[in-house]
Amino acid sequence: MQAYSLVAQTDDYLIINKAPGISVHRDDADTGLLQQISADLDCGPLYLVHRLDKMTSGLLILACHAEAASILSRQFQERRVEKYYIALSDQKPRKKQGLIRGDMERTRRGSWKLTTGLSNPAVTRFFSCSPVPGLRLFLLRPLTGKTHQLRVALKSIGAAIVGDQRYHSATQAVADRGYLHAWGVAFEWQGERCEYLCDPDVGELFLQQAVRQQLENWKPPASQAWPASK
């Protein structure tokens, strides 16, 4: 399996589709992803402006120079970048759509939990449906960017993600991946709206025809009737 595929390339930024199981975190021993991409494309140093968990696949924006990195990082900090994710759970959620919000509190061994506090809440809008018996497909739009936010949000409504060995206590070791994918991203660049969408291409459950058909029904995700954020 390749570590990534190239989705878009401009003078200012790259968009890649990161494979599941690949780390982008600089403090991990197996980093090297940015260096690999830079070597593959014969370009200069690349800048990480946001991150995906190791288990999460999908769209990742990389800046090609310091100025672009500063502009894109600011957009993420100011929550002006629209992000859309899809996830699969084999558990029945306590609610099928709406808003998940609450403060996140660190627990044991690097895990997090959602609390009822609202001093600095993680906020996620979502829809879900059941395209396949026994599976729930989620379309998620995080309005904040907390560590493990979506994984913890789904666990908090009783629907932990298939293959998430940190938050799904009953997940089977035979799961071929963690089923969370950064599906879409939209941001403004030089006065124009830039939108990118990339279907998952790894994972037996994601590749089922019924799941792929539901993704078609949800395109483009920005046009869906999203629940209110308050």
Protein backbone atom coordinates (compact mmCIF):
# COMPACT_ATOMS: atom_id res chain seq x y z
CA MET A 1 0.00 0.00 0.00
CA GLN A 2 1.36 3.42 -0.93
CA ALA A 3 1.70 5.97 1.87
CA TYR A 4 -0.18 8.62 -0.12
CA SER A 5 -1.52 9.65 -3.50
CA LEU A 6 -1.41 13.15 -4.95
CA VAL A 7 -4.81 14.84 -5.31
CA ALA A 8 -3.76 18.37 -6.34
CA GLN A 9 -0.55 20.34 -6.76
CA THR A 10 -0.14 24.12 -6.98
CA ASP A 11 2.78 26.48 -6.50
CA ASP A 12 1.53 27.21 -2.98
CA TYR A 13 0.16 23.95 -1.60
CA LEU A 14 -0.33 20.23 -2.20
CA ILE A 15 -3.36 18.13 -1.40
CA ILE A 16 -2.64 14.46 -0.72
CA ASN A 17 -4.78 11.45 0.16
CA LYS A 18 -2.95 9.92 3.13
CA ALA A 19 -3.19 6.17 3.59
CA PRO A 20 -4.41 4.74 6.91
CA GLY A 21 -1.67 3.69 9.32
CA ILE A 22 0.75 6.38 8.15
CA SER A 23 1.96 8.95 10.69
CA VAL A 24 2.27 12.66 9.94
CA HIS A 25 3.33 13.64 13.46
CA ARG A 26 6.83 15.01 13.71
CA ASP A 27 7.49 13.41 17.08
CA ASP A 28 6.89 9.87 15.80
CA ALA A 29 9.88 7.73 14.95
CA ASP A 30 8.37 6.76 11.61
CA THR A 31 7.66 10.33 10.43
CA GLY A 32 9.34 10.91 7.09
CA LEU A 33 6.10 11.40 5.12
CA LEU A 34 6.79 15.02 4.19
CA GLN A 35 10.36 14.20 3.27
CA GLN A 36 9.17 11.30 1.11
CA ILE A 37 6.67 13.49 -0.75
CA SER A 38 9.25 16.24 -1.24
CA ALA A 39 11.68 13.71 -2.73
CA ASP A 40 9.01 12.06 -4.90
CA LEU A 41 7.91 15.39 -6.40
CA ASP A 42 11.39 16.93 -6.45
CA CYS A 43 10.15 20.02 -4.63
CA GLY A 44 11.47 21.99 -1.67
CA PRO A 45 10.62 21.46 2.01
CA LEU A 46 6.93 21.03 2.75
CA TYR A 47 5.06 22.49 5.73
CA LEU A 48 2.44 20.68 7.80
CA VAL A 49 -0.48 23.06 8.52
CA HIS A 50 -2.84 20.52 10.10
CA ARG A 51 -2.74 16.85 11.06
CA LEU A 52 -4.59 13.57 10.77
CA ASP A 53 -4.40 10.74 13.29
CA LYS A 54 -2.28 7.80 12.21
CA MET A 55 -5.33 5.56 11.70
CA THR A 56 -7.19 8.23 9.69
CA SER A 57 -6.90 8.33 5.92
CA GLY A 58 -7.82 11.15 3.58
CA LEU A 59 -7.15 14.71 2.59
CA LEU A 60 -4.15 16.50 4.01
CA ILE A 61 -3.02 19.99 2.97
CA LEU A 62 0.73 20.64 2.79
CA ALA A 63 2.13 24.13 2.21
CA CYS A 64 4.96 24.54 -0.29
CA HIS A 65 6.55 27.62 1.31
CA ALA A 66 6.55 29.55 4.58
CA GLU A 67 4.11 32.26 3.47
CA ALA A 68 1.50 29.71 2.36
CA ALA A 69 2.03 27.81 5.61
CA SER A 70 1.34 30.97 7.61
CA ILE A 71 -1.84 31.81 5.67
CA LEU A 72 -3.23 28.27 5.80
CA SER A 73 -2.33 27.79 9.46
CA ARG A 74 -4.17 31.01 10.30
CA GLN A 75 -7.27 29.80 8.45
CA PHE A 76 -7.24 26.59 10.50
CA GLN A 77 -6.73 28.51 13.74
CA GLU A 78 -9.63 30.82 12.88
CA ARG A 79 -11.81 27.84 11.94
CA ARG A 80 -12.36 29.08 8.40
CA VAL A 81 -11.43 25.76 6.79
CA GLU A 82 -14.39 23.44 6.19
CA LYS A 83 -13.61 19.79 6.94
CA TYR A 84 -15.80 16.78 6.18
CA TYR A 85 -15.15 13.25 7.40
CA ILE A 86 -16.83 9.88 7.02
CA ALA A 87 -16.73 7.05 9.54
CA LEU A 88 -18.22 3.61 10.06
CA SER A 89 -19.44 2.09 13.32
CA ASP A 90 -20.84 -1.35 14.07
CA GLN A 91 -22.71 0.02 17.09
CA LYS A 92 -26.09 1.74 17.23
CA PRO A 93 -25.76 5.45 18.10
CA ARG A 94 -27.93 7.04 20.76
CA LYS A 95 -28.87 9.69 18.19
CA LYS A 96 -28.68 9.53 14.41
CA GLN A 97 -27.92 13.15 13.60
CA GLY A 98 -27.44 16.53 15.19
CA LEU A 99 -24.72 18.11 17.28
CA ILE A 100 -22.13 16.62 19.63
CA ARG A 101 -20.50 19.19 21.91
CA GLY A 102 -18.63 19.19 25.19
CA ASP A 103 -15.24 19.79 26.75
CA MET A 104 -12.59 17.15 26.18
CA GLU A 105 -10.68 15.79 29.15
CA ARG A 106 -7.51 13.71 29.04
CA THR A 107 -7.79 10.23 30.56
CA ARG A 108 -5.35 7.35 30.79
CA ARG A 109 -2.61 6.49 28.29
CA GLY A 110 -3.15 9.40 25.95
CA SER A 111 -6.90 8.91 25.51
CA TRP A 112 -9.61 11.55 25.84
CA LYS A 113 -13.26 11.66 26.89
CA LEU A 114 -16.10 14.09 26.26
CA THR A 115 -17.55 15.83 29.31
CA THR A 116 -20.69 17.88 29.86
CA GLY A 117 -18.63 21.04 30.37
CA LEU A 118 -18.78 23.81 27.78
CA SER A 119 -15.89 26.09 28.73
CA ASN A 120 -13.92 25.24 25.55
CA PRO A 121 -16.04 22.63 23.82
CA ALA A 122 -15.31 20.36 20.90
CA VAL A 123 -18.21 20.79 18.45
CA THR A 124 -19.20 18.34 15.71
CA ARG A 125 -22.20 18.31 13.38
CA PHE A 126 -23.20 14.96 11.90
CA PHE A 127 -25.61 12.87 9.88
CA SER A 128 -25.78 9.09 9.72
CA CYS A 129 -27.52 6.27 7.90
CA SER A 130 -27.34 2.49 7.70
CA PRO A 131 -26.45 1.49 4.12
CA VAL A 132 -25.52 -2.04 5.22
CA PRO A 133 -27.17 -4.08 7.99
CA GLY A 134 -25.12 -3.83 11.17
CA LEU A 135 -23.13 -0.79 10.05
CA ARG A 136 -23.73 2.91 10.58
CA LEU A 137 -22.15 5.40 8.17
CA PHE A 138 -21.49 8.89 9.54
CA LEU A 139 -20.92 12.17 7.72
CA LEU A 140 -19.13 14.46 10.17
CA ARG A 141 -18.28 18.15 10.11
CA PRO A 142 -16.04 19.17 13.01
CA LEU A 143 -16.33 22.86 13.84
CA THR A 144 -13.32 22.69 16.15
CA GLY A 145 -10.01 20.87 15.82
CA LYS A 146 -9.38 18.96 19.05
CA THR A 147 -7.13 15.91 19.39
CA HIS A 148 -9.12 12.70 18.67
CA GLN A 149 -12.27 14.85 18.45
CA LEU A 150 -14.32 12.72 16.05
CA ARG A 151 -13.24 9.41 17.54
CA VAL A 152 -14.27 10.60 21.02
CA ALA A 153 -17.47 12.23 19.74
CA LEU A 154 -18.75 9.01 18.20
CA LYS A 155 -17.76 6.98 21.24
CA SER A 156 -19.71 9.45 23.39
CA ILE A 157 -22.95 8.60 21.54
CA GLY A 158 -22.31 4.86 21.76
CA ALA A 159 -20.97 4.38 18.23
CA ALA A 160 -17.20 3.97 18.39
CA ILE A 161 -15.44 3.64 15.03
CA VAL A 162 -14.74 0.20 13.59
CA GLY A 163 -11.05 -0.64 13.93
CA ASP A 164 -10.32 2.12 16.46
CA GLN A 165 -8.31 0.11 18.96
CA ARG A 166 -8.07 3.03 21.38
CA TYR A 167 -11.77 3.86 21.73
CA HIS A 168 -13.66 0.76 20.52
CA SER A 169 -13.25 -1.74 23.33
CA ALA A 170 -14.91 -4.57 21.40
CA THR A 171 -13.25 -3.96 18.03
CA GLN A 172 -11.82 -7.09 16.51
CA ALA A 173 -8.15 -7.34 15.64
CA VAL A 174 -9.18 -8.55 12.18
CA ALA A 175 -10.45 -5.07 11.19
CA ASP A 176 -8.31 -4.12 8.20
CA ARG A 177 -8.10 -0.44 9.22
CA GLY A 178 -9.59 2.26 11.42
CA TYR A 179 -12.69 3.46 9.55
CA LEU A 180 -12.28 7.24 9.69
CA HIS A 181 -11.53 9.16 6.48
CA ALA A 182 -10.98 12.88 5.84
CA TRP A 183 -13.33 13.07 2.87
CA GLY A 184 -13.60 16.75 1.96
CA VAL A 185 -11.95 20.09 2.59
CA ALA A 186 -12.78 23.64 1.47
CA PHE A 187 -10.90 26.89 2.04
CA GLU A 188 -10.28 30.26 0.44
CA TRP A 189 -7.12 30.88 -1.55
CA GLN A 190 -6.32 34.14 -3.33
CA GLY A 191 -9.96 35.21 -3.23
CA GLU A 192 -11.36 31.94 -4.59
CA ARG A 193 -13.08 29.05 -2.87
CA CYS A 194 -11.12 25.83 -3.28
CA GLU A 195 -12.94 22.53 -2.67
CA TYR A 196 -11.50 19.03 -2.72
CA LEU A 197 -13.21 15.68 -2.23
CA CYS A 198 -11.59 12.25 -2.18
CA ASP A 199 -13.40 8.95 -1.63
CA PRO A 200 -11.61 6.30 0.46
CA ASP A 201 -9.76 3.73 -1.61
CA VAL A 202 -8.60 1.47 1.23
CA GLY A 203 -10.79 -0.63 3.51
CA GLU A 204 -13.12 -3.49 2.69
CA LEU A 205 -16.10 -1.91 4.46
CA PHE A 206 -15.65 1.51 2.79
CA LEU A 207 -15.52 -0.15 -0.63
CA GLN A 208 -18.92 -1.86 -0.34
CA GLN A 209 -21.25 -0.74 -3.11
CA ALA A 210 -23.96 0.48 -0.72
CA VAL A 211 -21.46 2.67 1.15
CA ARG A 212 -20.06 4.10 -2.07
CA GLN A 213 -23.57 4.87 -3.30
CA GLN A 214 -24.41 6.74 -0.10
CA LEU A 215 -21.28 8.86 -0.53
CA GLU A 216 -22.54 9.82 -3.97
CA ASN A 217 -25.83 10.87 -2.38
CA TRP A 218 -23.96 13.10 0.07
CA LYS A 219 -21.97 14.97 -2.58
CA PRO A 220 -21.17 17.77 -2.25
CA PRO A 221 -21.13 17.67 1.56
CA ALA A 222 -21.16 21.47 1.89
CA SER A 223 -24.64 21.57 0.33
CA GLN A 224 -26.25 19.26 2.90
CA ALA A 225 -28.79 20.66 5.37
CA TRP A 226 -26.43 20.64 8.33
CA PRO A 227 -27.83 20.85 11.87
CA ALA A 228 -27.40 24.20 13.58
CA SER A 229 -24.13 24.70 15.46
CA LYS A 230 -25.79 25.95 18.64
